Amino acid sequence: MPIPVILDCDPGHDDVFAIWLAAANPAIDLRAVTTVGGNGLLEHTTLNARVALTVAGVDGVPVARGAAGPLAGSLHPAEDIHGANALGGPVLPEPTVPLDERDAQTLMRDVIQASEAPVTIVATGPLTNIGLLVRDHPDLIPGIARVIWMGGSTTRGNATPYAEFNALTDPEAIALVLDSRVDFTMVGLNITHQALVTREVRERIGRIGTRTAAFGSELLEFFCSTYEVAQGMPDGPLHDPITVAMLIDPAVATTVRSHLDIEVDGTHTRGATRVDLIDALGAEPNATIAMDLDTDRFWTLVEEAVAALA
């Protein structure tokens, strides 16, 4: 039975591959795509989600616009990585996938209420939309099977020395989600930096020869070029699709149960995810933490998904 999924995202090059993996793999029933301000302004991330589905020939999946910025403070898009429109590199086609009239919260509510089984929310951007959902609609929490989020880290950050970008953008939203006690999985930099887009990976995608693969190749070349300049990583890490891959094939990643907190106040540590891997606090585990990636299994899933699309 395919897993019903809402994909909440801020496309973003790696978000596009997460969308494609969710849309193409038969283990996933992609019920909706919702967008949030993060890698780019909301107008760009929403357009980019529609473009990603259009290029891949996917229709029938509603796309709704969510929060433009975090619950507190201002949005600072990752233009150094993703470009001014959050999807730098290829010329973007005019999307044929329409924008749903509902906002993200309403679409998520409708999908959860209509589903015969609890819905998994895969979040690959700041958790603003999910934080608002659990805060404003706590009655929906029993209908959420789990939240799998790309963000945070058990080690270093990438936006500050301690904070990963998605976590730093809206730590208040993360706190709301953790406080809701929904089943929560963190897919942080410690594992996503194992999903490096090497030249071999780019060549594998390019050899597929489809429209989706050609578009994806342009995305990956741009993504790796900006990562090299911004962070000294010529093989950029394709963070976001790991969330979907873990749903499709749990063996793609090892995990541990641990206690997770988010820093919302620290002068130098705002957005840091405190993962108690050594049980120093003696606190009850409240999250599943992704640790190590089976890179061969992961890239095979990505390649098969791209090959299955238009």
Protein backbone atom coordinates (compact mmCIF):
# COMPACT_ATOMS: atom_id res chain seq x y z
CA MET A 1 0.00 0.00 0.00
CA PRO A 2 1.62 3.31 -1.05
CA ILE A 3 2.35 5.75 1.77
CA PRO A 4 0.19 8.91 1.60
CA VAL A 5 2.54 11.90 1.63
CA ILE A 6 2.37 15.67 1.73
CA LEU A 7 5.66 17.21 0.58
CA ASP A 8 6.29 20.63 2.12
CA CYS A 9 9.22 22.29 0.39
CA ASP A 10 11.12 25.41 -0.68
CA PRO A 11 12.55 24.52 -4.12
CA GLY A 12 15.64 24.79 -4.32
CA HIS A 13 17.65 22.41 -6.45
CA ASP A 14 17.64 19.49 -4.03
CA ASP A 15 13.91 19.94 -3.30
CA VAL A 16 13.22 19.33 -6.98
CA PHE A 17 14.82 15.90 -6.76
CA ALA A 18 12.80 15.17 -3.62
CA ILE A 19 9.62 16.05 -5.54
CA TRP A 20 10.65 13.82 -8.44
CA LEU A 21 11.48 10.89 -6.15
CA ALA A 22 8.14 11.21 -4.34
CA ALA A 23 6.21 11.52 -7.61
CA ALA A 24 7.92 8.65 -9.40
CA ASN A 25 8.35 5.90 -6.84
CA PRO A 26 5.35 3.56 -6.49
CA ALA A 27 5.89 3.28 -2.73
CA ILE A 28 4.75 6.91 -2.35
CA ASP A 29 1.28 8.33 -2.93
CA LEU A 30 2.04 12.04 -3.32
CA ARG A 31 -1.18 13.75 -2.22
CA ALA A 32 -0.02 17.38 -2.20
CA VAL A 33 2.94 19.73 -2.51
CA THR A 34 3.02 22.81 -0.29
CA THR A 35 5.57 25.60 -0.42
CA VAL A 36 7.30 27.87 2.06
CA GLY A 37 9.73 30.75 1.91
CA GLY A 38 13.24 29.42 2.50
CA ASN A 39 15.81 28.79 -0.21
CA GLY A 40 14.04 31.57 -2.09
CA LEU A 41 11.17 33.98 -1.71
CA LEU A 42 7.76 32.30 -1.61
CA GLU A 43 6.89 33.53 -5.10
CA HIS A 44 9.95 31.70 -6.44
CA THR A 45 9.65 28.50 -4.40
CA THR A 46 6.00 28.16 -5.39
CA LEU A 47 6.72 28.69 -9.07
CA ASN A 48 9.64 26.26 -8.85
CA ALA A 49 7.48 23.50 -7.36
CA ARG A 50 5.07 23.87 -10.26
CA VAL A 51 7.98 23.86 -12.71
CA ALA A 52 9.42 20.68 -11.17
CA LEU A 53 6.13 18.84 -11.64
CA THR A 54 5.61 20.26 -15.13
CA VAL A 55 9.05 19.22 -16.38
CA ALA A 56 8.52 15.70 -15.04
CA GLY A 57 5.08 15.37 -16.64
CA VAL A 58 3.34 14.97 -13.29
CA ASP A 59 -0.21 16.23 -13.00
CA GLY A 60 -3.05 15.76 -10.54
CA VAL A 61 -0.95 16.75 -7.51
CA PRO A 62 -2.26 20.00 -5.99
CA VAL A 63 0.29 22.71 -5.18
CA ALA A 64 -0.50 25.31 -2.52
CA ARG A 65 1.39 28.33 -1.27
CA GLY A 66 2.25 28.56 2.42
CA ALA A 67 4.13 30.91 4.71
CA ALA A 68 6.26 33.61 3.10
CA GLY A 69 8.59 33.91 6.06
CA PRO A 70 9.42 32.55 9.52
CA LEU A 71 7.32 32.96 12.65
CA ALA A 72 9.89 35.40 14.03
CA GLY A 73 12.41 37.61 12.27
CA SER A 74 13.03 37.97 8.56
CA LEU A 75 13.66 35.54 5.74
CA HIS A 76 17.18 35.44 4.32
CA PRO A 77 17.08 33.27 1.18
CA ALA A 78 20.05 31.10 0.22
CA GLU A 79 20.80 32.98 -2.99
CA ASP A 80 24.51 32.12 -2.76
CA ILE A 81 23.60 28.46 -3.31
CA HIS A 82 20.34 28.49 -5.27
CA GLY A 83 20.49 31.76 -7.19
CA ALA A 84 18.17 34.77 -7.20
CA ASN A 85 15.15 32.71 -8.30
CA ALA A 86 16.06 29.73 -6.05
CA LEU A 87 16.47 27.51 -9.13
CA GLY A 88 19.44 28.90 -10.97
CA GLY A 89 20.93 27.20 -14.02
CA PRO A 90 18.30 26.10 -16.54
CA VAL A 91 15.77 28.30 -18.29
CA LEU A 92 12.53 27.63 -16.42
CA PRO A 93 9.54 26.70 -18.59
CA GLU A 94 6.13 28.19 -18.03
CA PRO A 95 4.44 25.72 -15.67
CA THR A 96 1.28 23.96 -16.76
CA VAL A 97 0.60 22.64 -13.25
CA PRO A 98 -1.85 25.08 -11.66
CA LEU A 99 -1.65 26.74 -8.26
CA ASP A 100 -4.36 25.49 -5.93
CA GLU A 101 -6.74 28.15 -4.61
CA ARG A 102 -6.27 26.90 -1.05
CA ASP A 103 -3.37 27.97 1.15
CA ALA A 104 -0.94 25.36 2.44
CA GLN A 105 -2.60 24.88 5.82
CA THR A 106 -6.02 24.38 4.26
CA LEU A 107 -4.71 21.92 1.68
CA MET A 108 -2.83 19.95 4.32
CA ARG A 109 -5.94 19.89 6.52
CA ASP A 110 -8.11 18.68 3.65
CA VAL A 111 -5.64 15.94 2.67
CA ILE A 112 -5.25 14.70 6.24
CA GLN A 113 -9.00 14.68 6.92
CA ALA A 114 -9.78 12.90 3.65
CA SER A 115 -7.11 10.23 4.01
CA GLU A 116 -8.09 6.70 4.98
CA ALA A 117 -4.70 6.31 6.69
CA PRO A 118 -2.47 8.73 8.61
CA VAL A 119 -0.46 10.98 6.29
CA THR A 120 3.31 11.40 6.39
CA ILE A 121 4.55 14.95 6.03
CA VAL A 122 7.94 15.21 4.36
CA ALA A 123 9.41 18.67 4.97
CA THR A 124 12.49 19.79 3.07
CA GLY A 125 12.55 23.47 4.05
CA PRO A 126 11.92 25.57 7.15
CA LEU A 127 9.17 24.05 9.31
CA THR A 128 6.99 27.16 9.31
CA ASN A 129 3.97 25.57 7.62
CA ILE A 130 4.11 22.50 9.85
CA GLY A 131 4.53 24.58 13.00
CA LEU A 132 1.46 26.61 12.07
CA LEU A 133 -0.49 23.44 11.30
CA VAL A 134 0.14 21.77 14.66
CA ARG A 135 -0.37 25.05 16.53
CA ASP A 136 -3.62 26.05 14.86
CA HIS A 137 -5.07 22.59 14.17
CA PRO A 138 -4.01 20.28 17.02
CA ASP A 139 -7.00 18.09 16.22
CA LEU A 140 -5.18 17.02 13.03
CA ILE A 141 -2.14 15.62 14.83
CA PRO A 142 -3.59 12.08 15.17
CA GLY A 143 -3.94 12.07 11.36
CA ILE A 144 -0.20 12.72 10.90
CA ALA A 145 1.77 9.48 10.80
CA ARG A 146 5.11 11.23 11.12
CA VAL A 147 7.06 14.29 10.07
CA ILE A 148 10.36 13.64 8.29
CA TRP A 149 12.36 16.85 8.11
CA MET A 150 15.55 17.72 6.29
CA GLY A 151 17.29 20.11 8.63
CA GLY A 152 19.52 20.47 11.63
CA SER A 153 22.67 18.53 12.33
CA THR A 154 24.26 16.35 14.97
CA THR A 155 27.54 18.16 14.32
CA ARG A 156 28.28 21.36 12.39
CA GLY A 157 26.07 23.94 10.76
CA ASN A 158 26.15 25.48 7.31
CA ALA A 159 24.45 28.84 7.87
CA THR A 160 26.38 29.55 11.10
CA PRO A 161 29.01 27.41 12.82
CA TYR A 162 26.24 25.73 14.83
CA ALA A 163 23.04 26.09 12.80
CA GLU A 164 21.87 24.47 9.59
CA PHE A 165 19.97 26.76 7.19
CA ASN A 166 16.45 25.34 7.58
CA ALA A 167 16.79 25.25 11.37
CA LEU A 168 18.16 28.77 11.58
CA THR A 169 15.40 30.15 9.36
CA ASP A 170 12.60 29.19 11.77
CA PRO A 171 13.62 27.60 15.08
CA GLU A 172 10.34 28.69 16.68
CA ALA A 173 8.44 26.48 14.23
CA ILE A 174 10.68 23.52 15.08
CA ALA A 175 9.91 24.05 18.76
CA LEU A 176 6.17 23.96 18.02
CA VAL A 177 6.51 20.70 16.10
CA LEU A 178 8.60 19.05 18.80
CA ASP A 179 6.22 20.24 21.51
CA SER A 180 3.31 18.66 19.60
CA ARG A 181 4.89 15.23 20.18
CA VAL A 182 4.22 14.17 16.62
CA ASP A 183 6.47 11.32 15.47
CA PHE A 184 9.51 13.26 14.24
CA THR A 185 12.57 12.33 12.17
CA MET A 186 15.51 14.67 11.63
CA VAL A 187 17.63 14.24 8.49
CA GLY A 188 20.53 16.56 9.21
CA LEU A 189 23.76 17.68 7.62
CA ASN A 190 25.61 14.82 9.29
CA ILE A 191 23.91 12.41 6.85
CA THR A 192 23.12 14.69 3.91
CA HIS A 193 26.78 15.56 3.45
CA GLN A 194 27.22 11.89 2.56
CA ALA A 195 25.00 12.38 -0.54
CA LEU A 196 27.62 14.17 -2.61
CA VAL A 197 26.82 14.96 -6.24
CA THR A 198 30.07 13.68 -7.69
CA ARG A 199 30.96 13.92 -11.36
CA GLU A 200 30.06 10.22 -11.64
CA VAL A 201 26.57 10.94 -10.24
CA ARG A 202 26.07 13.82 -12.68
CA GLU A 203 27.12 11.62 -15.58
CA ARG A 204 24.71 8.87 -14.48
CA ILE A 205 21.82 11.33 -14.45
CA GLY A 206 22.86 12.81 -17.79
CA ARG A 207 22.99 9.42 -19.49
CA ILE A 208 19.31 8.77 -18.79
CA GLY A 209 18.52 10.97 -21.75
CA THR A 210 15.02 12.17 -20.83
CA ARG A 211 13.69 15.73 -20.56
CA THR A 212 13.64 15.42 -16.78
CA ALA A 213 17.23 14.16 -16.73
CA ALA A 214 18.45 16.99 -18.95
CA PHE A 215 16.79 19.57 -16.70
CA GLY A 216 18.14 17.80 -13.63
CA SER A 217 21.67 17.79 -15.06
CA GLU A 218 21.56 21.56 -15.50
CA LEU A 219 20.35 21.92 -11.94
CA LEU A 220 23.14 19.77 -10.57
CA GLU A 221 25.89 21.55 -12.50
CA PHE A 222 24.73 24.93 -11.17
CA PHE A 223 24.28 23.56 -7.66
CA CYS A 224 27.78 22.11 -7.52
CA SER A 225 29.33 25.27 -8.94
CA THR A 226 27.75 27.48 -6.27
CA TYR A 227 28.58 25.03 -3.48
CA GLU A 228 32.22 25.12 -4.55
CA VAL A 229 32.31 28.92 -4.34
CA ALA A 230 30.19 29.31 -1.19
CA GLN A 231 31.41 26.39 0.91
CA GLY A 232 34.43 24.90 -0.83
CA MET A 233 32.50 21.76 -1.83
CA PRO A 234 32.81 21.06 -5.57
CA ASP A 235 30.47 18.08 -5.14
CA GLY A 236 27.38 19.63 -3.60
CA PRO A 237 25.35 17.55 -1.13
CA LEU A 238 21.86 16.66 -2.38
CA HIS A 239 20.22 16.99 1.03
CA ASP A 240 16.47 16.81 0.53
CA PRO A 241 15.73 13.55 -1.34
CA ILE A 242 17.10 11.51 1.58
CA THR A 243 13.85 12.22 3.44
CA VAL A 244 11.80 10.54 0.70
CA ALA A 245 14.34 7.76 0.19
CA MET A 246 14.05 6.79 3.85
CA LEU A 247 10.29 6.33 3.42
CA ILE A 248 10.71 4.22 0.30
CA ASP A 249 13.52 2.06 1.67
CA PRO A 250 14.28 2.37 5.40
CA ALA A 251 17.54 0.49 4.83
CA VAL A 252 18.89 3.52 2.95
CA ALA A 253 19.84 5.11 6.29
CA THR A 254 20.72 4.06 9.80
CA THR A 255 18.89 5.86 12.60
CA VAL A 256 18.97 6.26 16.36
CA ARG A 257 16.36 7.44 18.84
CA SER A 258 17.50 10.46 20.83
CA HIS A 259 16.36 13.58 22.60
CA LEU A 260 16.29 16.62 20.33
CA ASP A 261 16.04 20.28 21.32
CA ILE A 262 16.22 23.46 19.23
CA GLU A 263 17.99 26.62 20.38
CA VAL A 264 15.79 29.68 19.87
CA ASP A 265 17.56 32.29 22.04
CA GLY A 266 21.31 31.80 21.87
CA THR A 267 23.37 34.77 20.73
CA HIS A 268 25.78 32.52 18.85
CA THR A 269 23.77 29.31 18.75
CA ARG A 270 20.26 30.25 17.56
CA GLY A 271 19.01 27.49 15.27
CA ALA A 272 21.35 24.86 16.68
CA THR A 273 19.85 21.38 17.05
CA ARG A 274 20.95 19.74 20.29
CA VAL A 275 20.94 15.99 19.74
CA ASP A 276 21.75 14.05 22.90
CA LEU A 277 23.52 11.08 21.33
CA ILE A 278 25.30 10.20 24.59
CA ASP A 279 22.19 10.43 26.81
CA ALA A 280 23.85 13.11 28.90
CA LEU A 281 20.48 14.63 29.81
CA GLY A 282 18.69 11.42 30.68
CA ALA A 283 15.70 12.85 28.82
CA GLU A 284 13.12 10.78 26.99
CA PRO A 285 13.93 10.31 23.28
CA ASN A 286 11.57 12.43 21.19
CA ALA A 287 13.02 12.07 17.70
CA THR A 288 14.51 9.63 15.24
CA ILE A 289 17.88 10.88 14.01
CA ALA A 290 19.25 9.79 10.62
CA MET A 291 22.94 8.93 10.91
CA ASP A 292 24.59 7.08 8.01
CA LEU A 293 23.60 6.80 4.35
CA ASP A 294 23.84 3.82 2.04
CA THR A 295 24.93 5.97 -0.87
CA ASP A 296 24.59 3.25 -3.51
CA ARG A 297 20.97 2.52 -2.54
CA PHE A 298 20.22 6.24 -2.38
CA TRP A 299 21.58 7.17 -5.79
CA THR A 300 19.92 4.13 -7.38
CA LEU A 301 16.55 5.35 -6.08
CA VAL A 302 17.19 8.85 -7.43
CA GLU A 303 18.35 7.54 -10.81
CA GLU A 304 15.37 5.19 -11.15
CA ALA A 305 12.96 8.01 -10.30
CA VAL A 306 14.42 10.38 -12.87
CA ALA A 307 14.35 7.62 -15.49
CA ALA A 308 10.68 6.90 -14.78
CA LEU A 309 9.59 10.50 -15.45
CA ALA A 310 9.04 12.32 -18.74
